Amino acid sequence: MVRTFVHKAQSAMEYLLTYGWAFLIIAVVLGAMFALGIFNPGQFAGQECILPAGFSCLNYFLSSNGQLIVNLIQATQSPLNITGYNCSSVPTFVLGPNIVVANQIYMPIGANASLTMTCYNNVGNVLSIQPGQLYVGTLGFNYTESATGFPHVAYGKIAVKAT
């Protein structure tokens, strides 16, 4: 009877040790994956700047203090004057009280211009973001066509990692 108990105890210990090592290895692998950022979806998100037809972003950079630099290319059918621009996490704030009124940037057909603006978070405060963190927001800019003088508003989406 003692011999049977010893065999059962030894079998139980081998079972626990085998599964214990397996759980330990799984925990180490999961810990390494978490440390490498595998479970952070923002790390793998692509950067993009989507504007309406006639406009495109050549380059765009976001600093951790919320300053966004966008190199805007215009390919509309007429020259235009940029009269204001802004970015925000909430589309309703884009062309509200926080809009930057520029000294009308003249853009002939096919020209590009660098626009530096302050981005705002979802409550209207200046954006503060960690380097490497993904920011998704709305760009907005006011412009007038040089030939007609008619005012227009254009909206776009931007997803960029802070540097």
N, C-alpha and C. Protein backbone atom coordinates (compact mmCIF):
# COMPACT_ATOMS: atom_id res chain seq x y z
N MET A 1 0.82 -1.18 0.00
CA MET A 1 0.00 0.00 0.00
C MET A 1 0.87 1.26 0.00
N VAL A 2 1.96 1.22 0.75
CA VAL A 2 2.85 2.36 0.79
C VAL A 2 3.47 2.57 -0.60
N ARG A 3 3.79 1.48 -1.23
CA ARG A 3 4.40 1.58 -2.55
C ARG A 3 3.45 2.22 -3.56
N THR A 4 2.18 1.89 -3.52
CA THR A 4 1.18 2.47 -4.42
C THR A 4 1.03 3.96 -4.15
N PHE A 5 1.03 4.34 -2.87
CA PHE A 5 0.92 5.76 -2.53
C PHE A 5 2.12 6.55 -3.04
N VAL A 6 3.32 5.97 -2.93
CA VAL A 6 4.53 6.63 -3.41
C VAL A 6 4.47 6.80 -4.93
N HIS A 7 4.02 5.79 -5.63
CA HIS A 7 3.91 5.89 -7.08
C HIS A 7 2.89 6.97 -7.49
N LYS A 8 1.77 7.01 -6.76
CA LYS A 8 0.76 8.03 -7.07
C LYS A 8 1.29 9.43 -6.77
N ALA A 9 2.02 9.56 -5.66
CA ALA A 9 2.58 10.86 -5.29
C ALA A 9 3.64 11.29 -6.31
N GLN A 10 4.47 10.34 -6.73
CA GLN A 10 5.50 10.66 -7.73
C GLN A 10 4.85 11.04 -9.06
N SER A 11 3.82 10.34 -9.44
CA SER A 11 3.11 10.66 -10.68
C SER A 11 2.47 12.04 -10.61
N ALA A 12 1.90 12.39 -9.46
CA ALA A 12 1.28 13.70 -9.28
C ALA A 12 2.33 14.80 -9.34
N MET A 13 3.49 14.58 -8.71
CA MET A 13 4.56 15.58 -8.74
C MET A 13 5.09 15.78 -10.17
N GLU A 14 5.28 14.70 -10.92
CA GLU A 14 5.73 14.83 -12.31
C GLU A 14 4.71 15.60 -13.15
N TYR A 15 3.45 15.32 -12.91
CA TYR A 15 2.38 16.03 -13.62
C TYR A 15 2.44 17.52 -13.31
N LEU A 16 2.54 17.88 -12.03
CA LEU A 16 2.58 19.29 -11.63
C LEU A 16 3.84 19.98 -12.15
N LEU A 17 4.99 19.32 -12.10
CA LEU A 17 6.22 19.92 -12.59
C LEU A 17 6.18 20.15 -14.10
N THR A 18 5.67 19.18 -14.83
CA THR A 18 5.58 19.32 -16.29
C THR A 18 4.70 20.51 -16.66
N TYR A 19 3.52 20.57 -16.09
CA TYR A 19 2.63 21.69 -16.38
C TYR A 19 3.15 23.00 -15.81
N GLY A 20 3.83 22.95 -14.70
CA GLY A 20 4.42 24.17 -14.12
C GLY A 20 5.46 24.78 -15.05
N TRP A 21 6.34 23.94 -15.62
CA TRP A 21 7.33 24.44 -16.58
C TRP A 21 6.66 24.99 -17.83
N ALA A 22 5.62 24.32 -18.29
CA ALA A 22 4.90 24.80 -19.48
C ALA A 22 4.28 26.17 -19.21
N PHE A 23 3.63 26.34 -18.06
CA PHE A 23 3.04 27.64 -17.72
C PHE A 23 4.11 28.71 -17.57
N LEU A 24 5.25 28.37 -16.99
CA LEU A 24 6.33 29.32 -16.84
C LEU A 24 6.86 29.78 -18.20
N ILE A 25 7.04 28.85 -19.13
CA ILE A 25 7.52 29.20 -20.47
C ILE A 25 6.50 30.09 -21.18
N ILE A 26 5.22 29.76 -21.07
CA ILE A 26 4.17 30.59 -21.69
C ILE A 26 4.18 32.00 -21.10
N ALA A 27 4.35 32.11 -19.78
CA ALA A 27 4.37 33.43 -19.13
C ALA A 27 5.57 34.24 -19.60
N VAL A 28 6.73 33.61 -19.74
CA VAL A 28 7.93 34.33 -20.21
C VAL A 28 7.74 34.80 -21.64
N VAL A 29 7.18 33.97 -22.51
CA VAL A 29 6.95 34.35 -23.90
C VAL A 29 5.94 35.50 -23.98
N LEU A 30 4.85 35.42 -23.24
CA LEU A 30 3.87 36.51 -23.23
C LEU A 30 4.47 37.80 -22.68
N GLY A 31 5.30 37.69 -21.65
CA GLY A 31 5.96 38.87 -21.11
C GLY A 31 6.89 39.52 -22.12
N ALA A 32 7.63 38.69 -22.86
CA ALA A 32 8.53 39.22 -23.89
C ALA A 32 7.73 39.88 -25.02
N MET A 33 6.64 39.28 -25.42
CA MET A 33 5.81 39.87 -26.47
C MET A 33 5.21 41.20 -26.01
N PHE A 34 4.78 41.28 -24.77
CA PHE A 34 4.23 42.52 -24.23
C PHE A 34 5.31 43.60 -24.18
N ALA A 35 6.52 43.23 -23.77
CA ALA A 35 7.62 44.20 -23.68
C ALA A 35 8.03 44.71 -25.07
N LEU A 36 7.89 43.88 -26.09
CA LEU A 36 8.23 44.29 -27.45
C LEU A 36 7.12 45.12 -28.11
N GLY A 37 5.97 45.23 -27.45
CA GLY A 37 4.89 46.05 -27.98
C GLY A 37 4.01 45.34 -28.98
N ILE A 38 4.03 44.02 -28.98
CA ILE A 38 3.21 43.26 -29.92
C ILE A 38 1.73 43.53 -29.70
N PHE A 39 1.32 43.79 -28.46
CA PHE A 39 -0.09 43.98 -28.14
C PHE A 39 -0.52 45.44 -28.24
N ASN A 40 0.32 46.32 -28.76
CA ASN A 40 -0.01 47.73 -28.94
C ASN A 40 -0.36 47.96 -30.41
N PRO A 41 -1.65 48.04 -30.76
CA PRO A 41 -2.02 48.16 -32.17
C PRO A 41 -1.57 49.48 -32.80
N GLY A 42 -1.39 50.54 -32.02
CA GLY A 42 -0.95 51.81 -32.55
C GLY A 42 0.46 51.75 -33.13
N GLN A 43 1.24 50.80 -32.67
CA GLN A 43 2.61 50.67 -33.17
C GLN A 43 2.63 50.25 -34.64
N PHE A 44 1.63 49.51 -35.05
CA PHE A 44 1.61 48.99 -36.42
C PHE A 44 0.71 49.81 -37.34
N ALA A 45 0.04 50.80 -36.80
CA ALA A 45 -0.86 51.62 -37.62
C ALA A 45 -0.04 52.48 -38.59
N GLY A 46 -0.52 52.58 -39.79
CA GLY A 46 0.16 53.39 -40.79
C GLY A 46 -0.19 54.86 -40.66
N GLN A 47 0.69 55.69 -41.14
CA GLN A 47 0.44 57.12 -41.14
C GLN A 47 -0.19 57.49 -42.47
N GLU A 48 -1.16 58.41 -42.43
CA GLU A 48 -1.79 58.83 -43.66
C GLU A 48 -2.37 60.23 -43.51
N CYS A 49 -2.51 60.88 -44.63
CA CYS A 49 -3.11 62.20 -44.71
C CYS A 49 -4.05 62.17 -45.92
N ILE A 50 -5.34 62.25 -45.66
CA ILE A 50 -6.33 62.15 -46.72
C ILE A 50 -7.05 63.49 -46.84
N LEU A 51 -6.92 64.10 -48.01
CA LEU A 51 -7.54 65.39 -48.28
C LEU A 51 -8.48 65.26 -49.47
N PRO A 52 -9.38 66.23 -49.66
CA PRO A 52 -10.30 66.15 -50.81
C PRO A 52 -9.55 66.31 -52.14
N ALA A 53 -10.26 66.01 -53.22
CA ALA A 53 -9.68 66.10 -54.55
C ALA A 53 -9.11 67.50 -54.79
N GLY A 54 -7.94 67.54 -55.40
CA GLY A 54 -7.27 68.81 -55.67
C GLY A 54 -6.23 69.16 -54.64
N PHE A 55 -6.18 68.43 -53.54
CA PHE A 55 -5.20 68.69 -52.48
C PHE A 55 -4.55 67.38 -52.07
N SER A 56 -3.30 67.45 -51.64
CA SER A 56 -2.62 66.29 -51.09
C SER A 56 -1.53 66.74 -50.14
N CYS A 57 -1.11 65.81 -49.28
CA CYS A 57 -0.03 66.08 -48.32
C CYS A 57 1.24 65.45 -48.87
N LEU A 58 2.27 66.25 -48.98
CA LEU A 58 3.57 65.72 -49.41
C LEU A 58 4.29 65.12 -48.22
N ASN A 59 4.41 65.87 -47.14
CA ASN A 59 5.01 65.42 -45.89
C ASN A 59 4.20 65.98 -44.75
N TYR A 60 4.28 65.32 -43.59
CA TYR A 60 3.62 65.83 -42.40
C TYR A 60 4.32 65.26 -41.17
N PHE A 61 4.50 66.13 -40.18
CA PHE A 61 5.20 65.78 -38.95
C PHE A 61 4.44 66.36 -37.77
N LEU A 62 4.38 65.62 -36.67
CA LEU A 62 3.74 66.08 -35.45
C LEU A 62 4.73 65.99 -34.31
N SER A 63 4.93 67.10 -33.60
CA SER A 63 5.81 67.07 -32.43
C SER A 63 4.96 66.78 -31.18
N SER A 64 5.62 66.43 -30.10
CA SER A 64 4.91 66.04 -28.88
C SER A 64 4.15 67.20 -28.24
N ASN A 65 4.49 68.45 -28.60
CA ASN A 65 3.76 69.59 -28.04
C ASN A 65 2.56 69.99 -28.89
N GLY A 66 2.20 69.20 -29.88
CA GLY A 66 1.00 69.44 -30.67
C GLY A 66 1.21 70.25 -31.93
N GLN A 67 2.45 70.59 -32.26
CA GLN A 67 2.72 71.35 -33.47
C GLN A 67 2.77 70.40 -34.67
N LEU A 68 1.90 70.65 -35.64
CA LEU A 68 1.83 69.84 -36.85
C LEU A 68 2.32 70.66 -38.03
N ILE A 69 3.22 70.07 -38.81
CA ILE A 69 3.70 70.70 -40.03
C ILE A 69 3.22 69.85 -41.20
N VAL A 70 2.47 70.46 -42.10
CA VAL A 70 1.94 69.77 -43.26
C VAL A 70 2.42 70.49 -44.51
N ASN A 71 3.03 69.76 -45.43
CA ASN A 71 3.41 70.32 -46.72
C ASN A 71 2.27 70.01 -47.68
N LEU A 72 1.46 71.03 -47.96
CA LEU A 72 0.24 70.89 -48.74
C LEU A 72 0.51 71.17 -50.22
N ILE A 73 0.01 70.30 -51.08
CA ILE A 73 0.10 70.50 -52.53
C ILE A 73 -1.31 70.76 -53.04
N GLN A 74 -1.46 71.78 -53.87
CA GLN A 74 -2.77 72.05 -54.44
C GLN A 74 -2.72 71.81 -55.94
N ALA A 75 -3.71 71.09 -56.43
CA ALA A 75 -3.81 70.80 -57.86
C ALA A 75 -5.23 71.08 -58.35
N THR A 76 -5.82 72.15 -57.84
CA THR A 76 -7.15 72.53 -58.30
C THR A 76 -7.03 73.22 -59.66
N GLN A 77 -8.15 73.66 -60.20
CA GLN A 77 -8.15 74.25 -61.53
C GLN A 77 -7.80 75.73 -61.54
N SER A 78 -7.64 76.33 -60.36
CA SER A 78 -7.29 77.75 -60.33
C SER A 78 -6.39 78.03 -59.14
N PRO A 79 -5.62 79.11 -59.21
CA PRO A 79 -4.80 79.49 -58.05
C PRO A 79 -5.72 79.83 -56.87
N LEU A 80 -5.19 79.71 -55.68
CA LEU A 80 -6.01 79.99 -54.51
C LEU A 80 -5.20 80.65 -53.41
N ASN A 81 -5.91 81.23 -52.46
CA ASN A 81 -5.31 81.83 -51.27
C ASN A 81 -5.80 81.07 -50.04
N ILE A 82 -4.87 80.51 -49.27
CA ILE A 82 -5.22 79.86 -48.01
C ILE A 82 -5.41 80.98 -46.98
N THR A 83 -6.57 81.02 -46.36
CA THR A 83 -6.86 82.09 -45.40
C THR A 83 -6.84 81.61 -43.96
N GLY A 84 -6.90 80.32 -43.73
CA GLY A 84 -6.85 79.79 -42.37
C GLY A 84 -6.76 78.28 -42.38
N TYR A 85 -6.24 77.71 -41.30
CA TYR A 85 -6.10 76.26 -41.22
C TYR A 85 -5.98 75.85 -39.76
N ASN A 86 -6.29 74.59 -39.49
CA ASN A 86 -6.31 74.10 -38.12
C ASN A 86 -6.43 72.57 -38.12
N CYS A 87 -6.15 71.95 -36.98
CA CYS A 87 -6.39 70.52 -36.81
C CYS A 87 -6.89 70.25 -35.40
N SER A 88 -7.73 69.22 -35.27
CA SER A 88 -8.33 68.88 -33.99
C SER A 88 -8.73 67.42 -33.99
N SER A 89 -8.86 66.86 -32.79
CA SER A 89 -9.34 65.48 -32.65
C SER A 89 -10.84 65.40 -32.91
N VAL A 90 -11.53 66.52 -32.74
CA VAL A 90 -12.98 66.57 -32.92
C VAL A 90 -13.29 67.45 -34.14
N PRO A 91 -13.96 66.94 -35.15
CA PRO A 91 -14.20 67.72 -36.37
C PRO A 91 -14.91 69.06 -36.13
N THR A 92 -15.75 69.16 -35.11
CA THR A 92 -16.48 70.41 -34.89
C THR A 92 -15.56 71.53 -34.40
N PHE A 93 -14.39 71.19 -33.86
CA PHE A 93 -13.45 72.21 -33.39
C PHE A 93 -12.52 72.71 -34.49
N VAL A 94 -12.49 72.03 -35.63
CA VAL A 94 -11.47 72.31 -36.64
C VAL A 94 -11.54 73.75 -37.12
N LEU A 95 -12.69 74.23 -37.53
CA LEU A 95 -12.79 75.58 -38.04
C LEU A 95 -13.60 76.47 -37.10
N GLY A 96 -13.50 76.17 -35.82
CA GLY A 96 -14.18 76.98 -34.82
C GLY A 96 -13.30 78.10 -34.33
N PRO A 97 -13.33 78.40 -33.04
CA PRO A 97 -12.59 79.54 -32.52
C PRO A 97 -11.08 79.38 -32.55
N ASN A 98 -10.58 78.17 -32.72
CA ASN A 98 -9.13 77.94 -32.67
C ASN A 98 -8.44 78.02 -34.02
N ILE A 99 -9.13 78.46 -35.05
CA ILE A 99 -8.53 78.45 -36.38
C ILE A 99 -7.38 79.46 -36.46
N VAL A 100 -6.34 79.05 -37.16
CA VAL A 100 -5.20 79.92 -37.38
C VAL A 100 -5.51 80.78 -38.59
N VAL A 101 -5.49 82.08 -38.43
CA VAL A 101 -5.72 82.96 -39.57
C VAL A 101 -4.36 83.35 -40.11
N ALA A 102 -4.10 82.88 -41.32
CA ALA A 102 -2.80 83.10 -41.93
C ALA A 102 -2.82 84.42 -42.70
N ASN A 103 -1.67 84.90 -43.06
CA ASN A 103 -1.56 86.04 -43.98
C ASN A 103 -1.71 85.51 -45.39
N GLN A 104 -2.88 85.14 -45.75
CA GLN A 104 -3.24 84.58 -47.04
C GLN A 104 -2.04 84.04 -47.82
N ILE A 105 -1.90 82.75 -47.77
CA ILE A 105 -0.83 82.07 -48.49
C ILE A 105 -1.30 81.84 -49.93
N TYR A 106 -0.64 82.48 -50.87
CA TYR A 106 -1.00 82.34 -52.28
C TYR A 106 -0.39 81.05 -52.83
N MET A 107 -1.22 80.25 -53.50
CA MET A 107 -0.76 78.98 -54.07
C MET A 107 -1.20 78.88 -55.52
N PRO A 108 -0.26 79.06 -56.47
CA PRO A 108 -0.62 78.83 -57.87
C PRO A 108 -0.90 77.34 -58.11
N ILE A 109 -1.41 77.01 -59.27
CA ILE A 109 -1.74 75.62 -59.60
C ILE A 109 -0.46 74.78 -59.54
N GLY A 110 -0.51 73.66 -58.81
CA GLY A 110 0.63 72.75 -58.70
C GLY A 110 1.64 73.15 -57.64
N ALA A 111 1.39 74.23 -56.92
CA ALA A 111 2.34 74.69 -55.91
C ALA A 111 2.15 73.93 -54.60
N ASN A 112 3.14 74.05 -53.74
CA ASN A 112 3.01 73.49 -52.40
C ASN A 112 3.42 74.54 -51.39
N ALA A 113 2.90 74.38 -50.18
CA ALA A 113 3.20 75.31 -49.08
C ALA A 113 3.24 74.52 -47.78
N SER A 114 4.14 74.93 -46.90
CA SER A 114 4.23 74.31 -45.58
C SER A 114 3.34 75.07 -44.61
N LEU A 115 2.43 74.36 -43.98
CA LEU A 115 1.52 74.95 -43.00
C LEU A 115 1.90 74.43 -41.63
N THR A 116 2.18 75.32 -40.70
CA THR A 116 2.48 74.93 -39.32
C THR A 116 1.29 75.32 -38.46
N MET A 117 0.75 74.35 -37.74
CA MET A 117 -0.45 74.60 -36.95
C MET A 117 -0.38 73.87 -35.62
N THR A 118 -1.17 74.33 -34.69
CA THR A 118 -1.30 73.68 -33.39
C THR A 118 -2.52 72.78 -33.42
N CYS A 119 -2.35 71.53 -33.03
CA CYS A 119 -3.48 70.60 -32.99
C CYS A 119 -4.11 70.63 -31.60
N TYR A 120 -5.40 70.36 -31.56
CA TYR A 120 -6.16 70.38 -30.31
C TYR A 120 -6.74 69.01 -30.04
N ASN A 121 -6.90 68.69 -28.74
CA ASN A 121 -7.46 67.40 -28.37
C ASN A 121 -8.99 67.46 -28.40
N ASN A 122 -9.64 66.42 -27.89
CA ASN A 122 -11.09 66.33 -28.00
C ASN A 122 -11.86 67.27 -27.08
N VAL A 123 -11.19 67.99 -26.18
CA VAL A 123 -11.88 68.98 -25.35
C VAL A 123 -11.45 70.40 -25.68
N GLY A 124 -10.69 70.57 -26.75
CA GLY A 124 -10.31 71.90 -27.20
C GLY A 124 -9.03 72.44 -26.62
N ASN A 125 -8.29 71.63 -25.87
CA ASN A 125 -7.00 72.06 -25.33
C ASN A 125 -5.89 71.70 -26.31
N VAL A 126 -4.76 72.40 -26.20
CA VAL A 126 -3.61 72.10 -27.06
C VAL A 126 -3.18 70.66 -26.81
N LEU A 127 -2.94 69.95 -27.88
CA LEU A 127 -2.58 68.54 -27.82
C LEU A 127 -1.22 68.35 -27.17
N SER A 128 -1.14 67.41 -26.25
CA SER A 128 0.12 66.97 -25.65
C SER A 128 0.16 65.46 -25.83
N ILE A 129 1.19 64.97 -26.51
CA ILE A 129 1.23 63.57 -26.90
C ILE A 129 2.64 63.03 -26.69
N GLN A 130 2.74 61.75 -26.38
CA GLN A 130 4.03 61.10 -26.19
C GLN A 130 4.66 60.78 -27.54
N PRO A 131 5.98 60.89 -27.66
CA PRO A 131 6.65 60.51 -28.92
C PRO A 131 6.34 59.05 -29.26
N GLY A 132 6.03 58.80 -30.52
CA GLY A 132 5.69 57.46 -30.97
C GLY A 132 4.21 57.13 -30.88
N GLN A 133 3.45 57.95 -30.17
CA GLN A 133 2.02 57.72 -30.03
C GLN A 133 1.28 58.20 -31.28
N LEU A 134 0.25 57.49 -31.66
CA LEU A 134 -0.51 57.81 -32.87
C LEU A 134 -1.56 58.87 -32.57
N TYR A 135 -1.63 59.88 -33.42
CA TYR A 135 -2.65 60.91 -33.32
C TYR A 135 -3.54 60.82 -34.56
N VAL A 136 -4.84 60.78 -34.33
CA VAL A 136 -5.80 60.76 -35.43
C VAL A 136 -6.68 61.98 -35.28
N GLY A 137 -6.71 62.81 -36.31
CA GLY A 137 -7.48 64.04 -36.22
C GLY A 137 -8.01 64.49 -37.57
N THR A 138 -8.63 65.66 -37.53
CA THR A 138 -9.22 66.26 -38.72
C THR A 138 -8.47 67.54 -39.05
N LEU A 139 -8.11 67.70 -40.31
CA LEU A 139 -7.51 68.94 -40.80
C LEU A 139 -8.61 69.76 -41.46
N GLY A 140 -8.51 71.05 -41.31
CA GLY A 140 -9.45 71.92 -42.01
C GLY A 140 -8.73 73.16 -42.47
N PHE A 141 -9.08 73.64 -43.65
CA PHE A 141 -8.49 74.90 -44.08
C PHE A 141 -9.50 75.67 -44.94
N ASN A 142 -9.45 76.97 -44.75
CA ASN A 142 -10.27 77.90 -45.52
C ASN A 142 -9.43 78.41 -46.67
N TYR A 143 -10.05 78.58 -47.82
CA TYR A 143 -9.33 79.16 -48.95
C TYR A 143 -10.32 79.88 -49.85
N THR A 144 -9.79 80.77 -50.64
CA THR A 144 -10.58 81.46 -51.66
C THR A 144 -9.92 81.25 -53.00
N GLU A 145 -10.74 81.09 -54.01
CA GLU A 145 -10.21 80.99 -55.37
C GLU A 145 -9.78 82.38 -55.81
N SER A 146 -8.60 82.49 -56.37
CA SER A 146 -8.07 83.80 -56.78
C SER A 146 -8.91 84.44 -57.88
N ALA A 147 -9.40 83.62 -58.80
CA ALA A 147 -10.14 84.16 -59.94
C ALA A 147 -11.52 84.68 -59.54
N THR A 148 -12.21 83.95 -58.69
CA THR A 148 -13.58 84.32 -58.34
C THR A 148 -13.71 85.00 -56.99
N GLY A 149 -12.80 84.71 -56.08
CA GLY A 149 -12.89 85.25 -54.74
C GLY A 149 -13.88 84.51 -53.85
N PHE A 150 -14.45 83.40 -54.34
CA PHE A 150 -15.40 82.63 -53.55
C PHE A 150 -14.67 81.88 -52.44
N PRO A 151 -15.20 81.93 -51.22
CA PRO A 151 -14.57 81.20 -50.11
C PRO A 151 -14.98 79.72 -50.12
N HIS A 152 -14.07 78.88 -49.70
CA HIS A 152 -14.31 77.44 -49.61
C HIS A 152 -13.72 76.92 -48.31
N VAL A 153 -14.22 75.77 -47.88
CA VAL A 153 -13.69 75.07 -46.72
C VAL A 153 -13.40 73.64 -47.15
N ALA A 154 -12.23 73.14 -46.81
CA ALA A 154 -11.86 71.75 -47.13
C ALA A 154 -11.49 71.04 -45.84
N TYR A 155 -11.94 69.79 -45.71
CA TYR A 155 -11.64 68.97 -44.54
C TYR A 155 -10.88 67.74 -44.99
N GLY A 156 -10.01 67.26 -44.13
CA GLY A 156 -9.27 66.04 -44.40
C GLY A 156 -9.00 65.30 -43.10
N LYS A 157 -8.52 64.09 -43.21
CA LYS A 157 -8.16 63.25 -42.06
C LYS A 157 -6.66 63.04 -42.03
N ILE A 158 -6.11 63.00 -40.82
CA ILE A 158 -4.68 62.75 -40.68
C ILE A 158 -4.47 61.76 -39.55
N ALA A 159 -3.56 60.82 -39.77
CA ALA A 159 -3.11 59.88 -38.76
C ALA A 159 -1.59 59.93 -38.81
N VAL A 160 -0.98 60.37 -37.71
CA VAL A 160 0.47 60.58 -37.70
C VAL A 160 1.01 60.24 -36.32
N LYS A 161 2.21 59.67 -36.29
CA LYS A 161 2.87 59.39 -35.02
C LYS A 161 3.71 60.58 -34.60
N ALA A 162 3.64 60.93 -33.34
CA ALA A 162 4.41 62.06 -32.84
C ALA A 162 5.89 61.72 -32.80
N THR A 163 6.71 62.75 -33.06
CA THR A 163 8.16 62.55 -33.01
C THR A 163 8.74 63.26 -31.82
